């Protein structure tokens, strides 16, 4: 299956909540396969459908010794423990910042055939689940950073070679910068 280009910071699809999956069909199976091929090509820990331009609530993961996907996923923390680890994003290349996430969680959703799936995760898999579901909600990890770290990350983005490419309009860039700098 094809490897898709990963959408970069500034693309509106990354800041828009994805639509729930209602048809567990061949199209969904192709999406999951394309996501797995793309995340393998990019050597990432996870990838959500909006990152390849699809407004579909599905993501894949390949980390923590596990590979899989979740359709219409949800998660809940197990306990209150959090960890702060450097986190990056395939849609924001070259930028990595300490980001606080829950240490353990329970994830649930469906597989591509519509069968229920649930599992517990910790470490990098727990982090990936939270990160990818954020993508499905139109949230970037930048919004999870402290104000000081967000400013530093935005400075890195502005100085990167990929930022401001012809694929991103000036208005979108301005809107993304303004929104990313907002304190949540």
C-alpha atoms as a PDB file:
ATOM      1  CA  UNK A   1       0.000   0.000   0.000  1.00  0.00           C
ATOM      2  CA  UNK A   2       1.144   3.561  -0.486  1.00  0.00           C
ATOM      3  CA  UNK A   3       3.185   5.623   1.896  1.00  0.00           C
ATOM      4  CA  UNK A   4       1.550   9.044   2.261  1.00  0.00           C
ATOM      5  CA  UNK A   5       3.232  12.371   2.926  1.00  0.00           C
ATOM      6  CA  UNK A   6       2.774  13.443   6.525  1.00  0.00           C
ATOM      7  CA  UNK A   7       0.916  16.742   6.894  1.00  0.00           C
ATOM      8  CA  UNK A   8       2.974  19.410   8.622  1.00  0.00           C
ATOM      9  CA  UNK A   9       2.199  21.998  11.262  1.00  0.00           C
ATOM     10  CA  UNK A  10       0.077  24.680   9.658  1.00  0.00           C
ATOM     11  CA  UNK A  11      -2.179  22.297   7.745  1.00  0.00           C
ATOM     12  CA  UNK A  12      -5.766  22.911   8.930  1.00  0.00           C
ATOM     13  CA  UNK A  13      -6.570  19.175   9.037  1.00  0.00           C
ATOM     14  CA  UNK A  14      -4.243  18.891  12.051  1.00  0.00           C
ATOM     15  CA  UNK A  15      -6.344  21.345  14.064  1.00  0.00           C
ATOM     16  CA  UNK A  16      -9.754  19.915  13.182  1.00  0.00           C
ATOM     17  CA  UNK A  17     -11.497  17.142  15.129  1.00  0.00           C
ATOM     18  CA  UNK A  18     -11.762  13.990  13.006  1.00  0.00           C
ATOM     19  CA  UNK A  19     -15.085  12.406  12.106  1.00  0.00           C
ATOM     20  CA  UNK A  20     -16.142   9.156  13.806  1.00  0.00           C
ATOM     21  CA  UNK A  21     -15.926   6.004  11.713  1.00  0.00           C
ATOM     22  CA  UNK A  22     -19.365   4.665  10.831  1.00  0.00           C
ATOM     23  CA  UNK A  23     -18.462   2.103   8.130  1.00  0.00           C
ATOM     24  CA  UNK A  24     -16.078  -0.725   8.870  1.00  0.00           C
ATOM     25  CA  UNK A  25     -15.365  -1.460   5.224  1.00  0.00           C
ATOM     26  CA  UNK A  26     -12.545  -1.906   2.704  1.00  0.00           C
ATOM     27  CA  UNK A  27     -11.866   1.820   2.697  1.00  0.00           C
ATOM     28  CA  UNK A  28     -11.177   1.751   6.454  1.00  0.00           C
ATOM     29  CA  UNK A  29      -8.939  -1.319   6.029  1.00  0.00           C
ATOM     30  CA  UNK A  30      -6.947   0.542   3.333  1.00  0.00           C
ATOM     31  CA  UNK A  31      -6.634   3.550   5.627  1.00  0.00           C
ATOM     32  CA  UNK A  32      -5.241   1.390   8.451  1.00  0.00           C
ATOM     33  CA  UNK A  33      -2.799  -0.320   6.071  1.00  0.00           C
ATOM     34  CA  UNK A  34      -1.677   3.021   4.616  1.00  0.00           C
ATOM     35  CA  UNK A  35      -1.181   4.421   8.121  1.00  0.00           C
ATOM     36  CA  UNK A  36       0.910   1.386   9.146  1.00  0.00           C
ATOM     37  CA  UNK A  37       3.032   1.649   5.984  1.00  0.00           C
ATOM     38  CA  UNK A  38       3.525   5.374   6.485  1.00  0.00           C
ATOM     39  CA  UNK A  39       4.442   5.160  10.188  1.00  0.00           C
ATOM     40  CA  UNK A  40       6.932   2.371   9.380  1.00  0.00           C
ATOM     41  CA  UNK A  41       8.454   4.474   6.605  1.00  0.00           C
ATOM     42  CA  UNK A  42       8.714   7.480   8.943  1.00  0.00           C
ATOM     43  CA  UNK A  43       9.988   5.303  11.818  1.00  0.00           C
ATOM     44  CA  UNK A  44       7.412   6.787  14.164  1.00  0.00           C
ATOM     45  CA  UNK A  45       5.705   5.451  17.287  1.00  0.00           C
ATOM     46  CA  UNK A  46       2.216   6.282  16.047  1.00  0.00           C
ATOM     47  CA  UNK A  47       0.266   8.055  13.353  1.00  0.00           C
ATOM     48  CA  UNK A  48      -3.287   9.382  13.214  1.00  0.00           C
ATOM     49  CA  UNK A  49      -5.403   9.622  10.060  1.00  0.00           C
ATOM     50  CA  UNK A  50      -5.462  13.459  10.064  1.00  0.00           C
ATOM     51  CA  UNK A  51      -1.673  13.383   9.714  1.00  0.00           C
ATOM     52  CA  UNK A  52      -2.134  11.961   6.217  1.00  0.00           C
ATOM     53  CA  UNK A  53      -5.018  14.283   5.455  1.00  0.00           C
ATOM     54  CA  UNK A  54      -7.972  12.082   6.425  1.00  0.00           C
ATOM     55  CA  UNK A  55     -10.661  13.272   8.835  1.00  0.00           C
ATOM     56  CA  UNK A  56     -11.202   9.805  10.279  1.00  0.00           C
ATOM     57  CA  UNK A  57     -11.003   8.729  13.940  1.00  0.00           C
ATOM     58  CA  UNK A  58      -8.365   6.040  13.550  1.00  0.00           C
ATOM     59  CA  UNK A  59      -4.709   5.792  14.536  1.00  0.00           C
ATOM     60  CA  UNK A  60      -1.950   3.208  14.448  1.00  0.00           C
ATOM     61  CA  UNK A  61       0.858   2.523  16.891  1.00  0.00           C
ATOM     62  CA  UNK A  62       4.105   0.621  16.717  1.00  0.00           C
ATOM     63  CA  UNK A  63       5.963   1.055  19.975  1.00  0.00           C
ATOM     64  CA  UNK A  64       6.482  -0.506  23.375  1.00  0.00           C
ATOM     65  CA  UNK A  65       6.837  -3.889  21.681  1.00  0.00           C
ATOM     66  CA  UNK A  66       3.284  -3.685  20.277  1.00  0.00           C
ATOM     67  CA  UNK A  67       1.708  -2.852  16.917  1.00  0.00           C
ATOM     68  CA  UNK A  68      -1.892  -2.188  16.194  1.00  0.00           C
ATOM     69  CA  UNK A  69      -4.625   0.308  15.522  1.00  0.00           C
ATOM     70  CA  UNK A  70      -7.704   1.751  17.184  1.00  0.00           C
ATOM     71  CA  UNK A  71     -10.850   3.025  15.514  1.00  0.00           C
ATOM     72  CA  UNK A  72     -13.036   5.558  17.370  1.00  0.00           C
ATOM     73  CA  UNK A  73     -10.639   5.342  20.324  1.00  0.00           C
ATOM     74  CA  UNK A  74     -11.064   6.543  23.884  1.00  0.00           C
ATOM     75  CA  UNK A  75      -8.760   6.374  26.876  1.00  0.00           C
ATOM     76  CA  UNK A  76      -8.882   6.835  30.622  1.00  0.00           C
ATOM     77  CA  UNK A  77      -6.019   7.285  33.045  1.00  0.00           C
ATOM     78  CA  UNK A  78      -5.178   4.532  35.485  1.00  0.00           C
ATOM     79  CA  UNK A  79      -4.186   6.447  38.606  1.00  0.00           C
ATOM     80  CA  UNK A  80      -2.874   9.983  38.867  1.00  0.00           C
ATOM     81  CA  UNK A  81       0.815   9.370  38.107  1.00  0.00           C
ATOM     82  CA  UNK A  82       2.227  11.423  35.267  1.00  0.00           C
ATOM     83  CA  UNK A  83       5.549  11.399  33.454  1.00  0.00           C
ATOM     84  CA  UNK A  84       7.376  14.164  31.674  1.00  0.00           C
ATOM     85  CA  UNK A  85       9.365  12.906  28.707  1.00  0.00           C
ATOM     86  CA  UNK A  86      10.642  14.549  25.532  1.00  0.00           C
ATOM     87  CA  UNK A  87       7.884  14.200  22.973  1.00  0.00           C
ATOM     88  CA  UNK A  88       7.975  14.944  19.279  1.00  0.00           C
ATOM     89  CA  UNK A  89       5.595  14.641  16.365  1.00  0.00           C
ATOM     90  CA  UNK A  90       5.973  13.550  12.763  1.00  0.00           C
ATOM     91  CA  UNK A  91       3.909  16.613  11.801  1.00  0.00           C
ATOM     92  CA  UNK A  92       6.365  18.925  13.593  1.00  0.00           C
ATOM     93  CA  UNK A  93       9.740  17.509  12.471  1.00  0.00           C
ATOM     94  CA  UNK A  94      12.832  18.260  14.501  1.00  0.00           C
ATOM     95  CA  UNK A  95      10.972  19.635  17.523  1.00  0.00           C
ATOM     96  CA  UNK A  96      10.959  17.713  20.795  1.00  0.00           C
ATOM     97  CA  UNK A  97      10.001  19.038  24.214  1.00  0.00           C
ATOM     98  CA  UNK A  98       9.301  17.592  27.670  1.00  0.00           C
ATOM     99  CA  UNK A  99       5.551  16.975  27.744  1.00  0.00           C
ATOM    100  CA  UNK A 100       3.516  15.801  30.711  1.00  0.00           C
ATOM    101  CA  UNK A 101       1.236  12.801  30.108  1.00  0.00           C
ATOM    102  CA  UNK A 102      -0.450  10.180  32.273  1.00  0.00           C
ATOM    103  CA  UNK A 103       1.856   7.251  32.995  1.00  0.00           C
ATOM    104  CA  UNK A 104      -0.749   4.483  32.640  1.00  0.00           C
ATOM    105  CA  UNK A 105      -4.032   4.219  30.810  1.00  0.00           C
ATOM    106  CA  UNK A 106      -6.770   1.977  29.557  1.00  0.00           C
ATOM    107  CA  UNK A 107      -7.546   2.375  25.849  1.00  0.00           C
ATOM    108  CA  UNK A 108     -10.602   1.099  24.060  1.00  0.00           C
ATOM    109  CA  UNK A 109     -12.142   1.314  20.634  1.00  0.00           C
ATOM    110  CA  UNK A 110     -12.601  -1.031  17.699  1.00  0.00           C
ATOM    111  CA  UNK A 111     -10.457  -2.804  15.149  1.00  0.00           C
ATOM    112  CA  UNK A 112     -10.936  -2.279  11.410  1.00  0.00           C
ATOM    113  CA  UNK A 113     -13.569  -5.046  11.326  1.00  0.00           C
ATOM    114  CA  UNK A 114     -15.665  -3.387  14.035  1.00  0.00           C
ATOM    115  CA  UNK A 115     -14.703  -5.785  16.837  1.00  0.00           C
ATOM    116  CA  UNK A 116     -14.166  -4.188  20.277  1.00  0.00           C
ATOM    117  CA  UNK A 117     -10.559  -3.739  21.399  1.00  0.00           C
ATOM    118  CA  UNK A 118      -9.255  -2.709  24.814  1.00  0.00           C
ATOM    119  CA  UNK A 119      -5.854  -2.781  26.460  1.00  0.00           C
ATOM    120  CA  UNK A 120      -3.817  -1.226  29.230  1.00  0.00           C
ATOM    121  CA  UNK A 121      -0.628   0.640  28.422  1.00  0.00           C
ATOM    122  CA  UNK A 122       2.259   2.371  30.122  1.00  0.00           C
ATOM    123  CA  UNK A 123       5.482   3.985  28.990  1.00  0.00           C
ATOM    124  CA  UNK A 124       5.821   4.985  25.365  1.00  0.00           C
ATOM    125  CA  UNK A 125       2.625   3.197  24.320  1.00  0.00           C
ATOM    126  CA  UNK A 126       0.557   5.142  26.867  1.00  0.00           C
ATOM    127  CA  UNK A 127       2.182   8.343  25.626  1.00  0.00           C
ATOM    128  CA  UNK A 128       1.511   7.418  21.978  1.00  0.00           C
ATOM    129  CA  UNK A 129      -2.164   6.663  22.659  1.00  0.00           C
ATOM    130  CA  UNK A 130      -2.651  10.054  24.327  1.00  0.00           C
ATOM    131  CA  UNK A 131      -0.709  11.856  21.584  1.00  0.00           C
ATOM    132  CA  UNK A 132      -2.588  10.196  18.714  1.00  0.00           C
ATOM    133  CA  UNK A 133      -6.035  10.672  20.267  1.00  0.00           C
ATOM    134  CA  UNK A 134      -5.084  14.331  20.714  1.00  0.00           C
ATOM    135  CA  UNK A 135      -4.508  14.416  16.931  1.00  0.00           C
ATOM    136  CA  UNK A 136      -7.990  12.981  16.392  1.00  0.00           C
ATOM    137  CA  UNK A 137      -9.350  15.822  18.554  1.00  0.00           C
ATOM    138  CA  UNK A 138      -7.416  18.482  16.618  1.00  0.00           C
ATOM    139  CA  UNK A 139      -4.889  19.022  19.421  1.00  0.00           C
ATOM    140  CA  UNK A 140      -1.115  19.204  18.895  1.00  0.00           C
ATOM    141  CA  UNK A 141       1.408  18.363  21.613  1.00  0.00           C
ATOM    142  CA  UNK A 142       2.461  22.027  21.570  1.00  0.00           C
ATOM    143  CA  UNK A 143      -0.771  22.810  23.388  1.00  0.00           C
ATOM    144  CA  UNK A 144       0.280  20.482  26.237  1.00  0.00           C
ATOM    145  CA  UNK A 145       3.528  22.369  26.867  1.00  0.00           C
ATOM    146  CA  UNK A 146       4.235  24.932  29.560  1.00  0.00           C
ATOM    147  CA  UNK A 147       4.196  28.500  28.173  1.00  0.00           C
ATOM    148  CA  UNK A 148       8.012  28.697  28.282  1.00  0.00           C
ATOM    149  CA  UNK A 149       8.444  25.420  26.415  1.00  0.00           C
ATOM    150  CA  UNK A 150       5.745  26.376  23.910  1.00  0.00           C
ATOM    151  CA  UNK A 151       7.621  29.595  23.116  1.00  0.00           C
ATOM    152  CA  UNK A 152      10.872  27.648  22.664  1.00  0.00           C
ATOM    153  CA  UNK A 153       9.143  25.077  20.428  1.00  0.00           C
ATOM    154  CA  UNK A 154       7.593  27.840  18.315  1.00  0.00           C
ATOM    155  CA  UNK A 155      11.013  29.459  17.891  1.00  0.00           C
ATOM    156  CA  UNK A 156      12.377  26.106  16.670  1.00  0.00           C
ATOM    157  CA  UNK A 157       9.459  25.752  14.250  1.00  0.00           C
ATOM    158  CA  UNK A 158       9.916  29.264  12.849  1.00  0.00           C
ATOM    159  CA  UNK A 159      13.613  28.598  12.211  1.00  0.00           C
ATOM    160  CA  UNK A 160      13.108  25.164  10.638  1.00  0.00           C
ATOM    161  CA  UNK A 161      13.701  24.552   6.940  1.00  0.00           C
ATOM    162  CA  UNK A 162      10.214  23.082   6.424  1.00  0.00           C
ATOM    163  CA  UNK A 163       8.264  25.907   8.042  1.00  0.00           C
ATOM    164  CA  UNK A 164       6.583  28.336   5.670  1.00  0.00           C
ATOM    165  CA  UNK A 165       6.719  25.948   2.730  1.00  0.00           C
ATOM    166  CA  UNK A 166       4.604  26.760  -0.308  1.00  0.00           C
ATOM    167  CA  UNK A 167       2.082  24.173   0.877  1.00  0.00           C
ATOM    168  CA  UNK A 168       1.151  26.367   3.839  1.00  0.00           C
ATOM    169  CA  UNK A 169      -0.515  29.725   3.289  1.00  0.00           C
ATOM    170  CA  UNK A 170       0.555  32.779   5.256  1.00  0.00           C
ATOM    171  CA  UNK A 171      -2.901  33.099   6.848  1.00  0.00           C
ATOM    172  CA  UNK A 172      -2.886  29.486   8.037  1.00  0.00           C
ATOM    173  CA  UNK A 173       0.601  29.946   9.472  1.00  0.00           C
ATOM    174  CA  UNK A 174      -0.483  33.094  11.334  1.00  0.00           C
ATOM    175  CA  UNK A 175      -3.592  31.366  12.702  1.00  0.00           C
ATOM    176  CA  UNK A 176      -1.585  28.311  13.782  1.00  0.00           C
ATOM    177  CA  UNK A 177       1.094  30.411  15.486  1.00  0.00           C
ATOM    178  CA  UNK A 178      -1.479  32.523  17.297  1.00  0.00           C
ATOM    179  CA  UNK A 179      -3.435  29.482  18.442  1.00  0.00           C
ATOM    180  CA  UNK A 180      -0.363  27.474  19.450  1.00  0.00           C
ATOM    181  CA  UNK A 181       0.926  30.339  21.555  1.00  0.00           C
ATOM    182  CA  UNK A 182      -2.390  30.678  23.410  1.00  0.00           C
ATOM    183  CA  UNK A 183      -2.252  29.485  26.997  1.00  0.00           C
ATOM    184  CA  UNK A 184      -4.696  26.659  27.632  1.00  0.00           C
END
